C-alpha atoms as a PDB file:
ATOM      1  CA  MET A   1     121.489 161.380 164.502  1.00  0.00           C
ATOM      2  CA  THR A   2     120.348 161.675 168.083  1.00  0.00           C
ATOM      3  CA  SER A   3     118.112 159.018 169.665  1.00  0.00           C
ATOM      4  CA  THR A   4     116.970 161.053 172.674  1.00  0.00           C
ATOM      5  CA  GLU A   5     113.607 162.834 172.583  1.00  0.00           C
ATOM      6  CA  LEU A   6     113.795 166.409 171.406  1.00  0.00           C
ATOM      7  CA  ALA A   7     113.053 168.649 174.392  1.00  0.00           C
ATOM      8  CA  ARG A   8     109.908 170.786 174.262  1.00  0.00           C
ATOM      9  CA  GLN A   9     110.292 174.548 173.873  1.00  0.00           C
ATOM     10  CA  GLU A  10     108.042 177.509 174.654  1.00  0.00           C
ATOM     11  CA  CYS A  11     108.326 179.240 171.256  1.00  0.00           C
ATOM     12  CA  ALA A  12     111.158 178.072 169.028  1.00  0.00           C
ATOM     13  CA  VAL A  13     112.147 176.312 165.803  1.00  0.00           C
ATOM     14  CA  THR A  14     114.847 173.850 164.879  1.00  0.00           C
ATOM     15  CA  VAL A  15     115.809 172.866 161.345  1.00  0.00           C
ATOM     16  CA  LEU A  16     116.635 169.166 161.023  1.00  0.00           C
ATOM     17  CA  GLY A  17     118.181 169.343 157.534  1.00  0.00           C
ATOM     18  CA  GLY A  18     116.787 169.951 154.069  1.00  0.00           C
ATOM     19  CA  PRO A  19     113.406 171.680 154.420  1.00  0.00           C
ATOM     20  CA  THR A  20     112.389 169.887 157.601  1.00  0.00           C
ATOM     21  CA  ALA A  21     111.738 171.950 160.724  1.00  0.00           C
ATOM     22  CA  VAL A  22     110.153 171.386 164.113  1.00  0.00           C
ATOM     23  CA  ILE A  23     108.189 174.326 165.485  1.00  0.00           C
ATOM     24  CA  ASP A  24     107.082 174.460 169.110  1.00  0.00           C
ATOM     25  CA  ILE A  25     104.492 177.204 169.548  1.00  0.00           C
ATOM     26  CA  GLY A  26     101.408 177.706 171.698  1.00  0.00           C
ATOM     27  CA  GLY A  27     102.059 174.440 173.510  1.00  0.00           C
ATOM     28  CA  LEU A  28     101.891 172.577 170.188  1.00  0.00           C
ATOM     29  CA  ARG A  29     104.551 170.759 168.201  1.00  0.00           C
ATOM     30  CA  LEU A  30     104.440 171.138 164.421  1.00  0.00           C
ATOM     31  CA  VAL A  31     106.707 169.538 161.832  1.00  0.00           C
ATOM     32  CA  SER A  32     107.067 171.069 158.368  1.00  0.00           C
ATOM     33  CA  ASP A  33     107.992 169.152 155.219  1.00  0.00           C
ATOM     34  CA  PRO A  34     109.172 165.946 156.940  1.00  0.00           C
ATOM     35  CA  THR A  35     112.144 164.212 155.294  1.00  0.00           C
ATOM     36  CA  PHE A  36     113.601 161.386 157.392  1.00  0.00           C
ATOM     37  CA  ASP A  37     115.210 159.023 154.871  1.00  0.00           C
ATOM     38  CA  GLU A  38     118.885 158.198 155.021  1.00  0.00           C
ATOM     39  CA  PRO A  39     121.110 159.484 152.181  1.00  0.00           C
ATOM     40  CA  GLY A  40     120.623 157.964 148.752  1.00  0.00           C
ATOM     41  CA  PRO A  41     118.967 158.411 145.352  1.00  0.00           C
ATOM     42  CA  HIS A  42     115.327 159.404 144.939  1.00  0.00           C
ATOM     43  CA  GLY A  43     114.742 159.194 141.212  1.00  0.00           C
ATOM     44  CA  TYR A  44     116.377 162.215 139.578  1.00  0.00           C
ATOM     45  CA  LEU A  45     117.255 163.745 142.983  1.00  0.00           C
ATOM     46  CA  THR A  46     119.923 162.548 145.411  1.00  0.00           C
ATOM     47  CA  LYS A  47     119.878 163.009 149.176  1.00  0.00           C
ATOM     48  CA  THR A  48     123.323 163.528 150.731  1.00  0.00           C
ATOM     49  CA  ALA A  49     122.565 163.772 154.466  1.00  0.00           C
ATOM     50  CA  GLY A  50     120.008 162.325 156.857  1.00  0.00           C
ATOM     51  CA  PRO A  51     118.090 164.309 159.465  1.00  0.00           C
ATOM     52  CA  ALA A  52     119.738 165.654 162.606  1.00  0.00           C
ATOM     53  CA  VAL A  53     116.911 164.116 164.655  1.00  0.00           C
ATOM     54  CA  ALA A  54     114.988 160.959 163.782  1.00  0.00           C
ATOM     55  CA  GLU A  55     111.217 160.970 163.622  1.00  0.00           C
ATOM     56  CA  SER A  56     111.131 158.548 166.549  1.00  0.00           C
ATOM     57  CA  SER A  57     112.743 161.230 168.739  1.00  0.00           C
ATOM     58  CA  LEU A  58     110.129 163.930 168.160  1.00  0.00           C
ATOM     59  CA  GLY A  59     107.521 162.650 170.611  1.00  0.00           C
ATOM     60  CA  PRO A  60     103.840 163.465 170.016  1.00  0.00           C
ATOM     61  CA  VAL A  61     103.358 165.819 167.069  1.00  0.00           C
ATOM     62  CA  ASP A  62     100.151 167.849 166.822  1.00  0.00           C
ATOM     63  CA  VAL A  63     100.312 169.050 163.215  1.00  0.00           C
ATOM     64  CA  VAL A  64     102.353 168.209 160.134  1.00  0.00           C
ATOM     65  CA  LEU A  65     102.651 170.925 157.474  1.00  0.00           C
ATOM     66  CA  VAL A  66     103.343 169.709 153.945  1.00  0.00           C
ATOM     67  CA  SER A  67     104.086 172.410 151.384  1.00  0.00           C
ATOM     68  CA  HIS A  68     103.839 169.828 148.597  1.00  0.00           C
ATOM     69  CA  ASP A  69     103.943 166.069 148.318  1.00  0.00           C
ATOM     70  CA  GLN A  70     105.238 165.514 144.783  1.00  0.00           C
ATOM     71  CA  HIS A  71     108.975 166.077 145.286  1.00  0.00           C
ATOM     72  CA  PRO A  72     111.021 163.784 147.541  1.00  0.00           C
ATOM     73  CA  ASP A  73     113.244 166.583 148.849  1.00  0.00           C
ATOM     74  CA  ASN A  74     110.139 167.910 150.629  1.00  0.00           C
ATOM     75  CA  LEU A  75     108.433 164.609 151.427  1.00  0.00           C
ATOM     76  CA  ASP A  76     110.594 161.508 151.151  1.00  0.00           C
ATOM     77  CA  ASP A  77     109.478 157.944 151.883  1.00  0.00           C
ATOM     78  CA  ARG A  78     109.766 158.013 155.665  1.00  0.00           C
ATOM     79  CA  GLY A  79     108.495 161.588 155.693  1.00  0.00           C
ATOM     80  CA  ARG A  80     105.362 160.518 153.820  1.00  0.00           C
ATOM     81  CA  ALA A  81     104.770 157.664 156.254  1.00  0.00           C
ATOM     82  CA  PHE A  82     105.264 160.104 159.134  1.00  0.00           C
ATOM     83  CA  ALA A  83     102.747 162.557 157.658  1.00  0.00           C
ATOM     84  CA  GLN A  84     100.172 159.878 156.917  1.00  0.00           C
ATOM     85  CA  ALA A  85     100.378 158.658 160.520  1.00  0.00           C
ATOM     86  CA  ALA A  86      99.872 162.161 161.969  1.00  0.00           C
ATOM     87  CA  ALA A  87      96.684 163.294 163.673  1.00  0.00           C
ATOM     88  CA  VAL A  88      96.436 166.380 161.441  1.00  0.00           C
ATOM     89  CA  VAL A  89      98.184 167.216 158.175  1.00  0.00           C
ATOM     90  CA  VAL A  90      97.712 170.689 156.689  1.00  0.00           C
ATOM     91  CA  THR A  91      98.597 171.078 153.024  1.00  0.00           C
ATOM     92  CA  GLY A  92      97.174 172.193 149.691  1.00  0.00           C
ATOM     93  CA  PRO A  93      93.984 170.663 148.262  1.00  0.00           C
ATOM     94  CA  LEU A  94      95.713 168.497 145.640  1.00  0.00           C
ATOM     95  CA  SER A  95      98.269 167.167 148.108  1.00  0.00           C
ATOM     96  CA  ALA A  96      95.508 166.504 150.671  1.00  0.00           C
ATOM     97  CA  ALA A  97      93.711 164.240 148.222  1.00  0.00           C
ATOM     98  CA  ARG A  98      96.841 162.063 148.067  1.00  0.00           C
ATOM     99  CA  LEU A  99      97.754 162.097 151.763  1.00  0.00           C
ATOM    100  CA  GLY A 100      94.668 160.517 153.277  1.00  0.00           C
ATOM    101  CA  ALA A 101      91.809 161.239 155.643  1.00  0.00           C
ATOM    102  CA  ALA A 102      93.867 163.189 158.200  1.00  0.00           C
ATOM    103  CA  ALA A 103      94.872 165.782 155.589  1.00  0.00           C
ATOM    104  CA  VAL A 104      93.220 169.201 155.593  1.00  0.00           C
ATOM    105  CA  GLY A 105      93.479 170.773 152.141  1.00  0.00           C
ATOM    106  CA  LEU A 106      93.645 174.564 152.230  1.00  0.00           C
ATOM    107  CA  SER A 107      93.457 176.834 149.223  1.00  0.00           C
ATOM    108  CA  PRO A 108      95.494 180.057 149.479  1.00  0.00           C
ATOM    109  CA  TRP A 109      94.109 182.551 151.999  1.00  0.00           C
ATOM    110  CA  THR A 110      92.002 179.969 153.833  1.00  0.00           C
ATOM    111  CA  SER A 111      92.839 178.774 157.332  1.00  0.00           C
ATOM    112  CA  HIS A 112      92.558 175.949 159.834  1.00  0.00           C
ATOM    113  CA  ARG A 113      92.434 176.419 163.598  1.00  0.00           C
ATOM    114  CA  VAL A 114      94.144 174.110 166.078  1.00  0.00           C
ATOM    115  CA  PRO A 115      93.349 174.328 169.815  1.00  0.00           C
ATOM    116  CA  ARG A 116      96.493 175.329 171.671  1.00  0.00           C
ATOM    117  CA  ARG A 117      97.803 173.303 174.587  1.00  0.00           C
ATOM    118  CA  ASP A 118      98.921 176.360 176.554  1.00  0.00           C
ATOM    119  CA  GLY A 119      95.391 177.631 177.185  1.00  0.00           C
ATOM    120  CA  GLY A 120      95.775 180.579 174.800  1.00  0.00           C
ATOM    121  CA  GLY A 121      92.899 179.768 172.462  1.00  0.00           C
ATOM    122  CA  ASP A 122      93.667 178.595 168.931  1.00  0.00           C
ATOM    123  CA  LEU A 123      96.671 178.566 166.662  1.00  0.00           C
ATOM    124  CA  THR A 124      95.594 179.691 163.196  1.00  0.00           C
ATOM    125  CA  VAL A 125      97.319 178.030 160.251  1.00  0.00           C
ATOM    126  CA  LEU A 126      96.799 180.212 157.173  1.00  0.00           C
ATOM    127  CA  ALA A 127      97.649 178.839 153.741  1.00  0.00           C
ATOM    128  CA  VAL A 128      99.455 181.311 151.482  1.00  0.00           C
ATOM    129  CA  PRO A 129     100.561 181.020 147.848  1.00  0.00           C
ATOM    130  CA  ALA A 130     103.968 179.905 146.617  1.00  0.00           C
ATOM    131  CA  VAL A 131     105.513 179.767 143.141  1.00  0.00           C
ATOM    132  CA  HIS A 132     107.873 176.816 142.680  1.00  0.00           C
ATOM    133  CA  GLY A 133     109.961 178.306 139.896  1.00  0.00           C
ATOM    134  CA  PRO A 134     110.385 181.448 137.781  1.00  0.00           C
ATOM    135  CA  GLU A 135     107.461 183.850 137.406  1.00  0.00           C
ATOM    136  CA  ASP A 136     107.258 183.178 133.675  1.00  0.00           C
ATOM    137  CA  GLY A 137     107.379 179.409 134.073  1.00  0.00           C
ATOM    138  CA  GLU A 138     104.746 177.400 132.248  1.00  0.00           C
ATOM    139  CA  ARG A 139     101.719 176.765 134.437  1.00  0.00           C
ATOM    140  CA  ASP A 140      99.812 173.510 134.662  1.00  0.00           C
ATOM    141  CA  ALA A 141      96.063 173.041 134.314  1.00  0.00           C
ATOM    142  CA  ASP A 142      95.599 174.177 137.928  1.00  0.00           C
ATOM    143  CA  GLY A 143      97.605 177.367 137.401  1.00  0.00           C
ATOM    144  CA  ASN A 144     100.699 176.193 139.243  1.00  0.00           C
ATOM    145  CA  VAL A 145     104.350 176.545 138.260  1.00  0.00           C
ATOM    146  CA  ASN A 146     105.977 173.106 138.576  1.00  0.00           C
ATOM    147  CA  CYS A 147     103.281 171.819 140.963  1.00  0.00           C
ATOM    148  CA  GLU A 148     100.932 172.984 143.704  1.00  0.00           C
ATOM    149  CA  VAL A 149     102.963 174.416 146.597  1.00  0.00           C
ATOM    150  CA  THR A 150     101.561 175.957 149.767  1.00  0.00           C
ATOM    151  CA  GLY A 151     103.213 178.307 152.244  1.00  0.00           C
ATOM    152  CA  PHE A 152     101.870 178.873 155.742  1.00  0.00           C
ATOM    153  CA  VAL A 153     101.469 181.633 158.310  1.00  0.00           C
ATOM    154  CA  LEU A 154     101.062 180.670 161.979  1.00  0.00           C
ATOM    155  CA  SER A 155      99.435 183.133 164.368  1.00  0.00           C
ATOM    156  CA  GLY A 156      97.669 183.339 167.709  1.00  0.00           C
ATOM    157  CA  SER A 157      97.114 185.601 170.687  1.00  0.00           C
ATOM    158  CA  GLY A 158     100.402 186.486 172.370  1.00  0.00           C
ATOM    159  CA  LEU A 159     102.441 184.576 169.784  1.00  0.00           C
ATOM    160  CA  PRO A 160     104.815 185.861 167.110  1.00  0.00           C
ATOM    161  CA  THR A 161     103.399 185.561 163.598  1.00  0.00           C
ATOM    162  CA  VAL A 162     105.501 183.023 161.707  1.00  0.00           C
ATOM    163  CA  TYR A 163     105.760 182.736 157.906  1.00  0.00           C
ATOM    164  CA  ILE A 164     106.881 179.421 156.367  1.00  0.00           C
ATOM    165  CA  SER A 165     107.620 180.009 152.699  1.00  0.00           C
ATOM    166  CA  GLY A 166     107.618 176.507 151.280  1.00  0.00           C
ATOM    167  CA  ASP A 167     109.453 176.159 147.977  1.00  0.00           C
ATOM    168  CA  ASN A 168     108.689 179.651 146.729  1.00  0.00           C
ATOM    169  CA  ALA A 169     110.945 181.516 144.305  1.00  0.00           C
ATOM    170  CA  SER A 170     108.705 184.573 143.870  1.00  0.00           C
ATOM    171  CA  ILE A 171     109.369 187.898 145.577  1.00  0.00           C
ATOM    172  CA  ARG A 172     106.052 189.112 144.155  1.00  0.00           C
ATOM    173  CA  THR A 173     104.353 186.378 146.194  1.00  0.00           C
ATOM    174  CA  VAL A 174     106.273 187.374 149.321  1.00  0.00           C
ATOM    175  CA  SER A 175     105.094 190.957 148.785  1.00  0.00           C
ATOM    176  CA  GLU A 176     101.502 189.769 148.605  1.00  0.00           C
ATOM    177  CA  VAL A 177     101.909 187.815 151.849  1.00  0.00           C
ATOM    178  CA  SER A 178     103.445 190.853 153.554  1.00  0.00           C
ATOM    179  CA  ARG A 179     100.645 193.101 152.346  1.00  0.00           C
ATOM    180  CA  ARG A 180      97.831 190.785 153.380  1.00  0.00           C
ATOM    181  CA  VAL A 181      99.415 189.571 156.640  1.00  0.00           C
ATOM    182  CA  PRO A 182     101.212 192.528 158.244  1.00  0.00           C
ATOM    183  CA  GLY A 183     103.322 192.074 161.340  1.00  0.00           C
ATOM    184  CA  ILE A 184     105.206 188.886 160.496  1.00  0.00           C
ATOM    185  CA  GLY A 185     107.799 188.490 163.231  1.00  0.00           C
ATOM    186  CA  ALA A 186     109.706 185.414 162.105  1.00  0.00           C
ATOM    187  CA  ALA A 187     110.248 183.843 158.693  1.00  0.00           C
ATOM    188  CA  LEU A 188     111.338 180.284 157.919  1.00  0.00           C
ATOM    189  CA  LEU A 189     112.588 180.691 154.360  1.00  0.00           C
ATOM    190  CA  HIS A 190     113.308 177.843 151.966  1.00  0.00           C
ATOM    191  CA  ALA A 191     116.438 178.909 150.119  1.00  0.00           C
ATOM    192  CA  GLY A 192     119.185 176.894 148.421  1.00  0.00           C
ATOM    193  CA  ALA A 193     118.423 177.968 144.818  1.00  0.00           C
ATOM    194  CA  ALA A 194     117.272 174.450 143.915  1.00  0.00           C
ATOM    195  CA  ARG A 195     117.977 173.727 140.253  1.00  0.00           C
ATOM    196  CA  VAL A 196     117.065 170.837 137.957  1.00  0.00           C
ATOM    197  CA  PRO A 197     118.580 171.215 134.454  1.00  0.00           C
ATOM    198  CA  ALA A 198     115.490 169.862 132.708  1.00  0.00           C
ATOM    199  CA  LYS A 199     113.167 172.371 134.365  1.00  0.00           C
ATOM    200  CA  PHE A 200     112.871 176.041 133.333  1.00  0.00           C
ATOM    201  CA  ASP A 201     116.335 176.092 131.698  1.00  0.00           C
ATOM    202  CA  GLY A 202     117.926 175.276 135.041  1.00  0.00           C
ATOM    203  CA  ARG A 203     116.678 178.461 136.674  1.00  0.00           C
ATOM    204  CA  PRO A 204     116.063 178.371 140.458  1.00  0.00           C
ATOM    205  CA  LEU A 205     112.989 176.532 141.701  1.00  0.00           C
ATOM    206  CA  SER A 206     113.361 178.048 145.174  1.00  0.00           C
ATOM    207  CA  MET A 207     114.822 181.295 146.473  1.00  0.00           C
ATOM    208  CA  ASP A 208     118.470 181.973 145.900  1.00  0.00           C
ATOM    209  CA  SER A 209     120.328 183.719 148.713  1.00  0.00           C
ATOM    210  CA  ARG A 210     119.856 187.248 147.403  1.00  0.00           C
ATOM    211  CA  ARG A 211     116.131 186.697 146.994  1.00  0.00           C
ATOM    212  CA  ALA A 212     115.982 185.307 150.540  1.00  0.00           C
ATOM    213  CA  ALA A 213     117.526 188.555 151.788  1.00  0.00           C
ATOM    214  CA  ALA A 214     115.087 190.544 149.657  1.00  0.00           C
ATOM    215  CA  ALA A 215     112.187 188.514 151.057  1.00  0.00           C
ATOM    216  CA  ALA A 216     113.337 189.282 154.592  1.00  0.00           C
ATOM    217  CA  ALA A 217     113.362 192.994 153.758  1.00  0.00           C
ATOM    218  CA  VAL A 218     109.910 192.870 152.154  1.00  0.00           C
ATOM    219  CA  LEU A 219     108.462 191.004 155.136  1.00  0.00           C
ATOM    220  CA  ASP A 220     110.186 193.346 157.614  1.00  0.00           C
ATOM    221  CA  ALA A 221     110.672 190.278 159.799  1.00  0.00           C
ATOM    222  CA  ASP A 222     112.644 190.444 163.044  1.00  0.00           C
ATOM    223  CA  ILE A 223     114.012 186.911 162.695  1.00  0.00           C
ATOM    224  CA  VAL A 224     114.911 184.850 159.619  1.00  0.00           C
ATOM    225  CA  VAL A 225     115.644 181.141 159.895  1.00  0.00           C
ATOM    226  CA  PRO A 226     116.866 179.544 156.651  1.00  0.00           C
ATOM    227  CA  ALA A 227     116.068 175.987 155.586  1.00  0.00           C
ATOM    228  CA  HIS A 228     116.203 173.893 152.404  1.00  0.00           C
ATOM    229  CA  TYR A 229     119.826 174.762 151.561  1.00  0.00           C
ATOM    230  CA  ASP A 230     121.632 171.483 152.277  1.00  0.00           C
ATOM    231  CA  GLY A 231     121.226 167.734 152.243  1.00  0.00           C
ATOM    232  CA  TRP A 232     120.410 167.337 148.513  1.00  0.00           C
ATOM    233  CA  THR A 233     122.634 167.649 145.451  1.00  0.00           C
ATOM    234  CA  HIS A 234     120.261 169.951 143.518  1.00  0.00           C
ATOM    235  CA  PHE A 235     120.648 172.795 146.026  1.00  0.00           C
ATOM    236  CA  SER A 236     123.054 175.123 144.226  1.00  0.00           C
ATOM    237  CA  GLU A 237     123.667 177.558 147.121  1.00  0.00           C
ATOM    238  CA  GLY A 238     124.508 176.843 150.739  1.00  0.00           C
ATOM    239  CA  LEU A 239     124.936 178.475 154.095  1.00  0.00           C
ATOM    240  CA  ALA A 240     127.949 180.581 153.109  1.00  0.00           C
ATOM    241  CA  ASP A 241     125.971 182.104 150.223  1.00  0.00           C
ATOM    242  CA  LEU A 242     123.105 182.989 152.576  1.00  0.00           C
ATOM    243  CA  GLU A 243     125.418 184.597 155.105  1.00  0.00           C
ATOM    244  CA  LEU A 244     127.112 186.644 152.367  1.00  0.00           C
ATOM    245  CA  ALA A 245     123.811 187.798 150.852  1.00  0.00           C
ATOM    246  CA  PHE A 246     122.465 188.969 154.205  1.00  0.00           C
ATOM    247  CA  TYR A 247     125.787 190.644 155.025  1.00  0.00           C
ATOM    248  CA  GLU A 248     125.852 192.501 151.712  1.00  0.00           C
ATOM    249  CA  ALA A 249     122.250 193.604 152.290  1.00  0.00           C
ATOM    250  CA  GLY A 250     123.139 194.877 155.762  1.00  0.00           C
ATOM    251  CA  MET A 251     120.755 192.404 157.411  1.00  0.00           C
ATOM    252  CA  SER A 252     123.065 189.904 159.083  1.00  0.00           C
ATOM    253  CA  SER A 253     121.459 190.724 162.426  1.00  0.00           C
ATOM    254  CA  LEU A 254     118.190 189.136 161.248  1.00  0.00           C
ATOM    255  CA  LEU A 255     119.685 185.805 160.303  1.00  0.00           C
ATOM    256  CA  ARG A 256     119.447 183.023 162.888  1.00  0.00           C
ATOM    257  CA  ILE A 257     121.620 180.030 162.117  1.00  0.00           C
ATOM    258  CA  ALA A 258     122.210 177.136 164.479  1.00  0.00           C
ATOM    259  CA  PRO A 259     123.459 173.576 164.002  1.00  0.00           C
ATOM    260  CA  HIS A 260     120.706 171.308 162.754  1.00  0.00           C
ATOM    261  CA  GLY A 261     118.764 169.945 165.701  1.00  0.00           C
ATOM    262  CA  SER A 262     119.474 173.052 167.831  1.00  0.00           C
ATOM    263  CA  TRP A 263     116.720 175.467 168.807  1.00  0.00           C
ATOM    264  CA  VAL A 264     116.265 179.070 167.717  1.00  0.00           C
ATOM    265  CA  SER A 265     113.800 181.318 169.544  1.00  0.00           C
ATOM    266  CA  LEU A 266     110.946 182.710 167.457  1.00  0.00           C
ATOM    267  CA  ARG A 267     110.671 185.761 169.679  1.00  0.00           C
ATOM    268  CA  ALA A 268     112.697 188.846 168.849  1.00  0.00           C
END
């Protein structure tokens, strides 16, 4: 884990491990699904690797995006403390009620604007739906599979439009996002085919590698950055599976993979 401050970028993303990513865009720094604990058990889930960059090395963060707060692989103990200390947290309405006064709860297809630091106006953070399990999974009283999960689309003048899937296993949902938000240039896709035997007969709770490739095709994105495929024992597919799925689909050129903590440009 590095102790030096992570250098600022013009328009780029770096995955730190698990689902956690740092996105520099529009002069702002955003962190998605912060997980900063060291390896160890978290109830029925087990973390196997810490982050490539510690939270203390990120410098000032403008916005934290939390897809959901109920599972420790997306918000562990130090990640929760990090989010609750942030100036702005954008998440779903149910998660916002648990994360404190700084949390902005967005229902799907509603948005929050953040003034950019590069003088380009605002960065729009649009909440989009996600399905955290199979389409036919039992839904709770709020209509959610597993729990409330929120994806995000970032956009602004002169910036690439960036889709962050959150823990979504539904290609139907990706199709809806593509239809309602055309022109997505870059996609940060949570993959890994997360499985918990007690849930939905062990079927994937997040995209498997083939569905990640299908999502990339549906979105017609120029750049795909995978996350959420390592660092926890319940991820059943890893980087090699992703590379094979994109190769077999003839879309290897879209996939952008770098060592955790290294930057990938969001511009084609």
